[in-house]
Amino acid sequence: MIKKGLKVRVLTGKDKKKEGEVIEIDRANNRAKVKEINMVKKHVKTTKEKKGGIFSKESFIHISNLILIDEKAAKKKEAKK
């Protein structure tokens, strides 16, 4: 089960084989946001309070395209080498 704060690897798409931490989960749509993965450009209009511009932010990725990384097993493999 993928939960917030766990480390995952992307299986498909433009960010294939990249790893990151889950920062948000949308259970209703089976999607998750992963830190520094699936970055999109967001155009923001200038207002009285905020300056506008083009900002990069994470977008949701389907949970089926993610796999949980077992950090304990990875550390054991490194220790054996």
PDB file of N, CA and C in Angstrom:
ATOM      1  N   MET A   1       0.845  -1.176   0.000  1.00  0.00           N
ATOM      2  CA  MET A   1       0.000   0.000   0.000  1.00  0.00           C
ATOM      3  C   MET A   1       0.890   1.239   0.000  1.00  0.00           C
ATOM      4  N   ILE A   2       0.615   2.131  -0.899  1.00  0.00           N
ATOM      5  CA  ILE A   2       1.383   3.369  -1.014  1.00  0.00           C
ATOM      6  C   ILE A   2       0.760   4.419  -0.096  1.00  0.00           C
ATOM      7  N   LYS A   3       1.594   5.014   0.747  1.00  0.00           N
ATOM      8  CA  LYS A   3       1.137   6.025   1.700  1.00  0.00           C
ATOM      9  C   LYS A   3       2.016   7.257   1.599  1.00  0.00           C
ATOM     10  N   LYS A   4       1.524   8.351   2.146  1.00  0.00           N
ATOM     11  CA  LYS A   4       2.269   9.604   2.175  1.00  0.00           C
ATOM     12  C   LYS A   4       3.574   9.422   2.951  1.00  0.00           C
ATOM     13  N   GLY A   5       4.668   9.929   2.377  1.00  0.00           N
ATOM     14  CA  GLY A   5       5.955   9.869   3.042  1.00  0.00           C
ATOM     15  C   GLY A   5       6.817   8.686   2.641  1.00  0.00           C
ATOM     16  N   LEU A   6       6.245   7.713   1.924  1.00  0.00           N
ATOM     17  CA  LEU A   6       7.014   6.544   1.509  1.00  0.00           C
ATOM     18  C   LEU A   6       7.762   6.829   0.211  1.00  0.00           C
ATOM     19  N   LYS A   7       8.829   6.079  -0.015  1.00  0.00           N
ATOM     20  CA  LYS A   7       9.650   6.251  -1.211  1.00  0.00           C
ATOM     21  C   LYS A   7       9.152   5.298  -2.304  1.00  0.00           C
ATOM     22  N   VAL A   8       8.977   5.837  -3.527  1.00  0.00           N
ATOM     23  CA  VAL A   8       8.464   5.047  -4.642  1.00  0.00           C
ATOM     24  C   VAL A   8       9.318   5.243  -5.888  1.00  0.00           C
ATOM     25  N   ARG A   9       9.190   4.306  -6.850  1.00  0.00           N
ATOM     26  CA  ARG A   9       9.862   4.402  -8.143  1.00  0.00           C
ATOM     27  C   ARG A   9       8.783   4.421  -9.227  1.00  0.00           C
ATOM     28  N   VAL A  10       8.987   5.249 -10.266  1.00  0.00           N
ATOM     29  CA  VAL A  10       8.046   5.356 -11.376  1.00  0.00           C
ATOM     30  C   VAL A  10       8.351   4.253 -12.384  1.00  0.00           C
ATOM     31  N   LEU A  11       7.303   3.552 -12.837  1.00  0.00           N
ATOM     32  CA  LEU A  11       7.470   2.439 -13.760  1.00  0.00           C
ATOM     33  C   LEU A  11       7.312   2.843 -15.229  1.00  0.00           C
ATOM     34  N   THR A  12       6.479   3.833 -15.519  1.00  0.00           N
ATOM     35  CA  THR A  12       6.216   4.226 -16.902  1.00  0.00           C
ATOM     36  C   THR A  12       6.163   5.742 -17.032  1.00  0.00           C
ATOM     37  N   GLY A  13       6.205   6.206 -18.285  1.00  0.00           N
ATOM     38  CA  GLY A  13       6.051   7.626 -18.551  1.00  0.00           C
ATOM     39  C   GLY A  13       7.372   8.346 -18.707  1.00  0.00           C
ATOM     40  N   LYS A  14       7.290   9.680 -18.759  1.00  0.00           N
ATOM     41  CA  LYS A  14       8.485  10.491 -19.013  1.00  0.00           C
ATOM     42  C   LYS A  14       9.496  10.446 -17.864  1.00  0.00           C
ATOM     43  N   ASP A  15       9.045  10.092 -16.682  1.00  0.00           N
ATOM     44  CA  ASP A  15       9.929  10.028 -15.515  1.00  0.00           C
ATOM     45  C   ASP A  15      10.234   8.590 -15.114  1.00  0.00           C
ATOM     46  N   LYS A  16      10.242   7.681 -16.067  1.00  0.00           N
ATOM     47  CA  LYS A  16      10.481   6.260 -15.811  1.00  0.00           C
ATOM     48  C   LYS A  16      11.808   6.054 -15.084  1.00  0.00           C
ATOM     49  N   LYS A  17      11.813   5.167 -14.104  1.00  0.00           N
ATOM     50  CA  LYS A  17      12.972   4.771 -13.289  1.00  0.00           C
ATOM     51  C   LYS A  17      13.418   5.832 -12.279  1.00  0.00           C
ATOM     52  N   LYS A  18      12.724   6.964 -12.199  1.00  0.00           N
ATOM     53  CA  LYS A  18      13.068   7.973 -11.198  1.00  0.00           C
ATOM     54  C   LYS A  18      12.420   7.605  -9.870  1.00  0.00           C
ATOM     55  N   GLU A  19      13.033   8.069  -8.791  1.00  0.00           N
ATOM     56  CA  GLU A  19      12.535   7.783  -7.456  1.00  0.00           C
ATOM     57  C   GLU A  19      12.201   9.074  -6.728  1.00  0.00           C
ATOM     58  N   GLY A  20      11.234   8.998  -5.816  1.00  0.00           N
ATOM     59  CA  GLY A  20      10.861  10.163  -5.039  1.00  0.00           C
ATOM     60  C   GLY A  20       9.959   9.790  -3.884  1.00  0.00           C
ATOM     61  N   GLU A  21       9.619  10.800  -3.091  1.00  0.00           N
ATOM     62  CA  GLU A  21       8.778  10.606  -1.917  1.00  0.00           C
ATOM     63  C   GLU A  21       7.354  11.052  -2.221  1.00  0.00           C
ATOM     64  N   VAL A  22       6.378  10.272  -1.778  1.00  0.00           N
ATOM     65  CA  VAL A  22       4.965  10.611  -1.975  1.00  0.00           C
ATOM     66  C   VAL A  22       4.626  11.787  -1.074  1.00  0.00           C
ATOM     67  N   ILE A  23       4.075  12.861  -1.681  1.00  0.00           N
ATOM     68  CA  ILE A  23       3.734  14.039  -0.887  1.00  0.00           C
ATOM     69  C   ILE A  23       2.226  14.223  -0.723  1.00  0.00           C
ATOM     70  N   GLU A  24       1.428  13.565  -1.580  1.00  0.00           N
ATOM     71  CA  GLU A  24      -0.026  13.692  -1.490  1.00  0.00           C
ATOM     72  C   GLU A  24      -0.671  12.502  -2.188  1.00  0.00           C
ATOM     73  N   ILE A  25      -1.835  12.066  -1.663  1.00  0.00           N
ATOM     74  CA  ILE A  25      -2.558  10.931  -2.253  1.00  0.00           C
ATOM     75  C   ILE A  25      -4.009  11.330  -2.487  1.00  0.00           C
ATOM     76  N   ASP A  26      -4.543  10.955  -3.655  1.00  0.00           N
ATOM     77  CA  ASP A  26      -5.954  11.152  -3.987  1.00  0.00           C
ATOM     78  C   ASP A  26      -6.571   9.763  -4.115  1.00  0.00           C
ATOM     79  N   ARG A  27      -7.097   9.231  -3.028  1.00  0.00           N
ATOM     80  CA  ARG A  27      -7.631   7.866  -2.998  1.00  0.00           C
ATOM     81  C   ARG A  27      -8.838   7.692  -3.928  1.00  0.00           C
ATOM     82  N   ALA A  28      -9.664   8.710  -4.068  1.00  0.00           N
ATOM     83  CA  ALA A  28     -10.869   8.602  -4.907  1.00  0.00           C
ATOM     84  C   ALA A  28     -10.514   8.325  -6.364  1.00  0.00           C
ATOM     85  N   ASN A  29      -9.414   8.897  -6.849  1.00  0.00           N
ATOM     86  CA  ASN A  29      -9.006   8.730  -8.241  1.00  0.00           C
ATOM     87  C   ASN A  29      -7.781   7.830  -8.400  1.00  0.00           C
ATOM     88  N   ASN A  30      -7.318   7.202  -7.309  1.00  0.00           N
ATOM     89  CA  ASN A  30      -6.140   6.326  -7.327  1.00  0.00           C
ATOM     90  C   ASN A  30      -4.912   7.024  -7.899  1.00  0.00           C
ATOM     91  N   ARG A  31      -4.627   8.220  -7.420  1.00  0.00           N
ATOM     92  CA  ARG A  31      -3.499   9.000  -7.910  1.00  0.00           C
ATOM     93  C   ARG A  31      -2.660   9.511  -6.747  1.00  0.00           C
ATOM     94  N   ALA A  32      -1.387   9.782  -7.041  1.00  0.00           N
ATOM     95  CA  ALA A  32      -0.471  10.279  -6.015  1.00  0.00           C
ATOM     96  C   ALA A  32       0.442  11.335  -6.608  1.00  0.00           C
ATOM     97  N   LYS A  33       0.878  12.274  -5.772  1.00  0.00           N
ATOM     98  CA  LYS A  33       1.891  13.256  -6.159  1.00  0.00           C
ATOM     99  C   LYS A  33       3.205  12.815  -5.561  1.00  0.00           C
ATOM    100  N   VAL A  34       4.250  12.805  -6.397  1.00  0.00           N
ATOM    101  CA  VAL A  34       5.574  12.404  -5.945  1.00  0.00           C
ATOM    102  C   VAL A  34       6.507  13.593  -6.117  1.00  0.00           C
ATOM    103  N   LYS A  35       7.330  13.854  -5.113  1.00  0.00           N
ATOM    104  CA  LYS A  35       8.225  15.007  -5.110  1.00  0.00           C
ATOM    105  C   LYS A  35       9.175  14.960  -6.311  1.00  0.00           C
ATOM    106  N   GLU A  36       9.212  16.053  -7.088  1.00  0.00           N
ATOM    107  CA  GLU A  36      10.085  16.232  -8.258  1.00  0.00           C
ATOM    108  C   GLU A  36       9.783  15.272  -9.413  1.00  0.00           C
ATOM    109  N   ILE A  37       8.596  14.658  -9.425  1.00  0.00           N
ATOM    110  CA  ILE A  37       8.199  13.753 -10.495  1.00  0.00           C
ATOM    111  C   ILE A  37       6.945  14.298 -11.172  1.00  0.00           C
ATOM    112  N   ASN A  38       6.854  14.114 -12.506  1.00  0.00           N
ATOM    113  CA  ASN A  38       5.713  14.546 -13.313  1.00  0.00           C
ATOM    114  C   ASN A  38       5.484  16.056 -13.169  1.00  0.00           C
ATOM    115  N   MET A  39       6.547  16.823 -13.356  1.00  0.00           N
ATOM    116  CA  MET A  39       6.478  18.273 -13.230  1.00  0.00           C
ATOM    117  C   MET A  39       5.741  18.867 -14.441  1.00  0.00           C
ATOM    118  N   VAL A  40       4.838  19.825 -14.171  1.00  0.00           N
ATOM    119  CA  VAL A  40       4.094  20.517 -15.211  1.00  0.00           C
ATOM    120  C   VAL A  40       4.239  22.015 -15.004  1.00  0.00           C
ATOM    121  N   LYS A  41       4.037  22.783 -16.072  1.00  0.00           N
ATOM    122  CA  LYS A  41       4.108  24.246 -15.988  1.00  0.00           C
ATOM    123  C   LYS A  41       2.714  24.786 -15.681  1.00  0.00           C
ATOM    124  N   LYS A  42       2.635  25.685 -14.715  1.00  0.00           N
ATOM    125  CA  LYS A  42       1.385  26.316 -14.321  1.00  0.00           C
ATOM    126  C   LYS A  42       1.507  27.810 -14.587  1.00  0.00           C
ATOM    127  N   HIS A  43       0.634  28.338 -15.442  1.00  0.00           N
ATOM    128  CA  HIS A  43       0.624  29.770 -15.744  1.00  0.00           C
ATOM    129  C   HIS A  43      -0.293  30.467 -14.746  1.00  0.00           C
ATOM    130  N   VAL A  44       0.256  31.448 -14.010  1.00  0.00           N
ATOM    131  CA  VAL A  44      -0.482  32.142 -12.963  1.00  0.00           C
ATOM    132  C   VAL A  44      -0.615  33.612 -13.338  1.00  0.00           C
ATOM    133  N   LYS A  45      -1.836  34.100 -13.266  1.00  0.00           N
ATOM    134  CA  LYS A  45      -2.105  35.490 -13.596  1.00  0.00           C
ATOM    135  C   LYS A  45      -1.711  36.386 -12.425  1.00  0.00           C
ATOM    136  N   THR A  46      -1.217  37.581 -12.706  1.00  0.00           N
ATOM    137  CA  THR A  46      -0.825  38.536 -11.670  1.00  0.00           C
ATOM    138  C   THR A  46      -2.071  39.086 -10.977  1.00  0.00           C
ATOM    139  N   THR A  47      -2.020  39.166  -9.633  1.00  0.00           N
ATOM    140  CA  THR A  47      -3.089  39.766  -8.849  1.00  0.00           C
ATOM    141  C   THR A  47      -2.476  40.836  -7.946  1.00  0.00           C
ATOM    142  N   LYS A  48      -3.295  41.477  -7.153  1.00  0.00           N
ATOM    143  CA  LYS A  48      -2.790  42.499  -6.232  1.00  0.00           C
ATOM    144  C   LYS A  48      -1.862  41.897  -5.184  1.00  0.00           C
ATOM    145  N   GLU A  49      -2.155  40.674  -4.756  1.00  0.00           N
ATOM    146  CA  GLU A  49      -1.365  40.036  -3.701  1.00  0.00           C
ATOM    147  C   GLU A  49      -0.153  39.278  -4.242  1.00  0.00           C
ATOM    148  N   LYS A  50      -0.298  38.644  -5.422  1.00  0.00           N
ATOM    149  CA  LYS A  50       0.758  37.765  -5.930  1.00  0.00           C
ATOM    150  C   LYS A  50       1.258  38.209  -7.287  1.00  0.00           C
ATOM    151  N   LYS A  51       2.537  37.950  -7.501  1.00  0.00           N
ATOM    152  CA  LYS A  51       3.133  38.194  -8.805  1.00  0.00           C
ATOM    153  C   LYS A  51       2.873  36.964  -9.672  1.00  0.00           C
ATOM    154  N   GLY A  52       2.505  37.172 -10.910  1.00  0.00           N
ATOM    155  CA  GLY A  52       2.208  36.070 -11.810  1.00  0.00           C
ATOM    156  C   GLY A  52       3.458  35.532 -12.467  1.00  0.00           C
ATOM    157  N   GLY A  53       3.265  34.576 -13.354  1.00  0.00           N
ATOM    158  CA  GLY A  53       4.377  33.988 -14.073  1.00  0.00           C
ATOM    159  C   GLY A  53       4.122  32.521 -14.370  1.00  0.00           C
ATOM    160  N   ILE A  54       5.166  31.840 -14.777  1.00  0.00           N
ATOM    161  CA  ILE A  54       5.084  30.420 -15.090  1.00  0.00           C
ATOM    162  C   ILE A  54       5.839  29.659 -14.001  1.00  0.00           C
ATOM    163  N   PHE A  55       5.119  28.775 -13.315  1.00  0.00           N
ATOM    164  CA  PHE A  55       5.697  28.023 -12.208  1.00  0.00           C
ATOM    165  C   PHE A  55       5.647  26.529 -12.512  1.00  0.00           C
ATOM    166  N   SER A  56       6.647  25.790 -12.062  1.00  0.00           N
ATOM    167  CA  SER A  56       6.650  24.332 -12.189  1.00  0.00           C
ATOM    168  C   SER A  56       6.135  23.734 -10.894  1.00  0.00           C
ATOM    169  N   LYS A  57       5.270  22.721 -11.024  1.00  0.00           N
ATOM    170  CA  LYS A  57       4.774  22.029  -9.842  1.00  0.00           C
ATOM    171  C   LYS A  57       4.500  20.574 -10.191  1.00  0.00           C
ATOM    172  N   GLU A  58       4.398  19.730  -9.155  1.00  0.00           N
ATOM    173  CA  GLU A  58       4.126  18.323  -9.362  1.00  0.00           C
ATOM    174  C   GLU A  58       2.677  18.116  -9.755  1.00  0.00           C
ATOM    175  N   SER A  59       2.451  17.127 -10.609  1.00  0.00           N
ATOM    176  CA  SER A  59       1.106  16.741 -10.983  1.00  0.00           C
ATOM    177  C   SER A  59       0.879  15.314 -10.512  1.00  0.00           C
ATOM    178  N   PHE A  60      -0.394  14.910 -10.429  1.00  0.00           N
ATOM    179  CA  PHE A  60      -0.712  13.563  -9.979  1.00  0.00           C
ATOM    180  C   PHE A  60      -0.310  12.532 -11.021  1.00  0.00           C
ATOM    181  N   ILE A  61       0.075  11.354 -10.545  1.00  0.00           N
ATOM    182  CA  ILE A  61       0.412  10.214 -11.392  1.00  0.00           C
ATOM    183  C   ILE A  61      -0.373   9.020 -10.845  1.00  0.00           C
ATOM    184  N   HIS A  62      -0.833   8.145 -11.743  1.00  0.00           N
ATOM    185  CA  HIS A  62      -1.659   7.015 -11.324  1.00  0.00           C
ATOM    186  C   HIS A  62      -0.838   6.046 -10.462  1.00  0.00           C
ATOM    187  N   ILE A  63      -1.472   5.534  -9.433  1.00  0.00           N
ATOM    188  CA  ILE A  63      -0.785   4.657  -8.471  1.00  0.00           C
ATOM    189  C   ILE A  63      -0.268   3.385  -9.143  1.00  0.00           C
ATOM    190  N   SER A  64      -0.934   2.927 -10.208  1.00  0.00           N
ATOM    191  CA  SER A  64      -0.492   1.707 -10.886  1.00  0.00           C
ATOM    192  C   SER A  64       0.857   1.900 -11.576  1.00  0.00           C
ATOM    193  N   ASN A  65       1.273   3.130 -11.782  1.00  0.00           N
ATOM    194  CA  ASN A  65       2.558   3.429 -12.411  1.00  0.00           C
ATOM    195  C   ASN A  65       3.680   3.612 -11.387  1.00  0.00           C
ATOM    196  N   LEU A  66       3.394   3.326 -10.128  1.00  0.00           N
ATOM    197  CA  LEU A  66       4.375   3.467  -9.052  1.00  0.00           C
ATOM    198  C   LEU A  66       4.609   2.126  -8.386  1.00  0.00           C
ATOM    199  N   ILE A  67       5.818   1.939  -7.884  1.00  0.00           N
ATOM    200  CA  ILE A  67       6.128   0.747  -7.096  1.00  0.00           C
ATOM    201  C   ILE A  67       6.857   1.194  -5.835  1.00  0.00           C
ATOM    202  N   LEU A  68       6.491   0.583  -4.733  1.00  0.00           N
ATOM    203  CA  LEU A  68       7.077   0.919  -3.441  1.00  0.00           C
ATOM    204  C   LEU A  68       8.509   0.400  -3.369  1.00  0.00           C
ATOM    205  N   ILE A  69       9.411   1.231  -2.869  1.00  0.00           N
ATOM    206  CA  ILE A  69      10.804   0.836  -2.702  1.00  0.00           C
ATOM    207  C   ILE A  69      10.986   0.393  -1.258  1.00  0.00           C
ATOM    208  N   ASP A  70      11.454  -0.822  -1.086  1.00  0.00           N
ATOM    209  CA  ASP A  70      11.707  -1.360   0.253  1.00  0.00           C
ATOM    210  C   ASP A  70      13.109  -0.937   0.662  1.00  0.00           C
ATOM    211  N   GLU A  71      13.205   0.089   1.484  1.00  0.00           N
ATOM    212  CA  GLU A  71      14.498   0.646   1.880  1.00  0.00           C
ATOM    213  C   GLU A  71      15.316  -0.349   2.705  1.00  0.00           C
ATOM    214  N   LYS A  72      14.659  -1.157   3.510  1.00  0.00           N
ATOM    215  CA  LYS A  72      15.375  -2.130   4.340  1.00  0.00           C
ATOM    216  C   LYS A  72      16.073  -3.170   3.471  1.00  0.00           C
ATOM    217  N   ALA A  73      15.365  -3.662   2.442  1.00  0.00           N
ATOM    218  CA  ALA A  73      15.944  -4.664   1.549  1.00  0.00           C
ATOM    219  C   ALA A  73      17.096  -4.063   0.736  1.00  0.00           C
ATOM    220  N   ALA A  74      16.938  -2.817   0.315  1.00  0.00           N
ATOM    221  CA  ALA A  74      17.982  -2.143  -0.455  1.00  0.00           C
ATOM    222  C   ALA A  74      19.249  -1.990   0.384  1.00  0.00           C
ATOM    223  N   LYS A  75      19.119  -1.682   1.651  1.00  0.00           N
ATOM    224  CA  LYS A  75      20.283  -1.535   2.528  1.00  0.00           C
ATOM    225  C   LYS A  75      20.987  -2.872   2.733  1.00  0.00           C
ATOM    226  N   LYS A  76      20.197  -3.960   2.811  1.00  0.00           N
ATOM    227  CA  LYS A  76      20.790  -5.296   2.968  1.00  0.00           C
ATOM    228  C   LYS A  76      21.589  -5.683   1.728  1.00  0.00           C
ATOM    229  N   LYS A  77      21.070  -5.350   0.542  1.00  0.00           N
ATOM    230  CA  LYS A  77      21.777  -5.663  -0.706  1.00  0.00           C
ATOM    231  C   LYS A  77      23.087  -4.902  -0.777  1.00  0.00           C
ATOM    232  N   GLU A  78      23.087  -3.636  -0.382  1.00  0.00           N
ATOM    233  CA  GLU A  78      24.302  -2.822  -0.404  1.00  0.00           C
ATOM    234  C   GLU A  78      25.333  -3.377   0.583  1.00  0.00           C
ATOM    235  N   ALA A  79      24.866  -3.851   1.725  1.00  0.00           N
ATOM    236  CA  ALA A  79      25.770  -4.395   2.739  1.00  0.00           C
ATOM    237  C   ALA A  79      26.436  -5.682   2.256  1.00  0.00           C
ATOM    238  N   LYS A  80      25.727  -6.486   1.475  1.00  0.00           N
ATOM    239  CA  LYS A  80      26.268  -7.741   0.953  1.00  0.00           C
ATOM    240  C   LYS A  80      27.356  -7.513  -0.106  1.00  0.00           C
ATOM    241  N   LYS A  81      27.224  -6.425  -0.856  1.00  0.00           N
ATOM    242  CA  LYS A  81      28.200  -6.137  -1.935  1.00  0.00           C
ATOM    243  C   LYS A  81      29.495  -5.716  -1.406  1.00  0.00           C
TER     244      LYS A  81
END
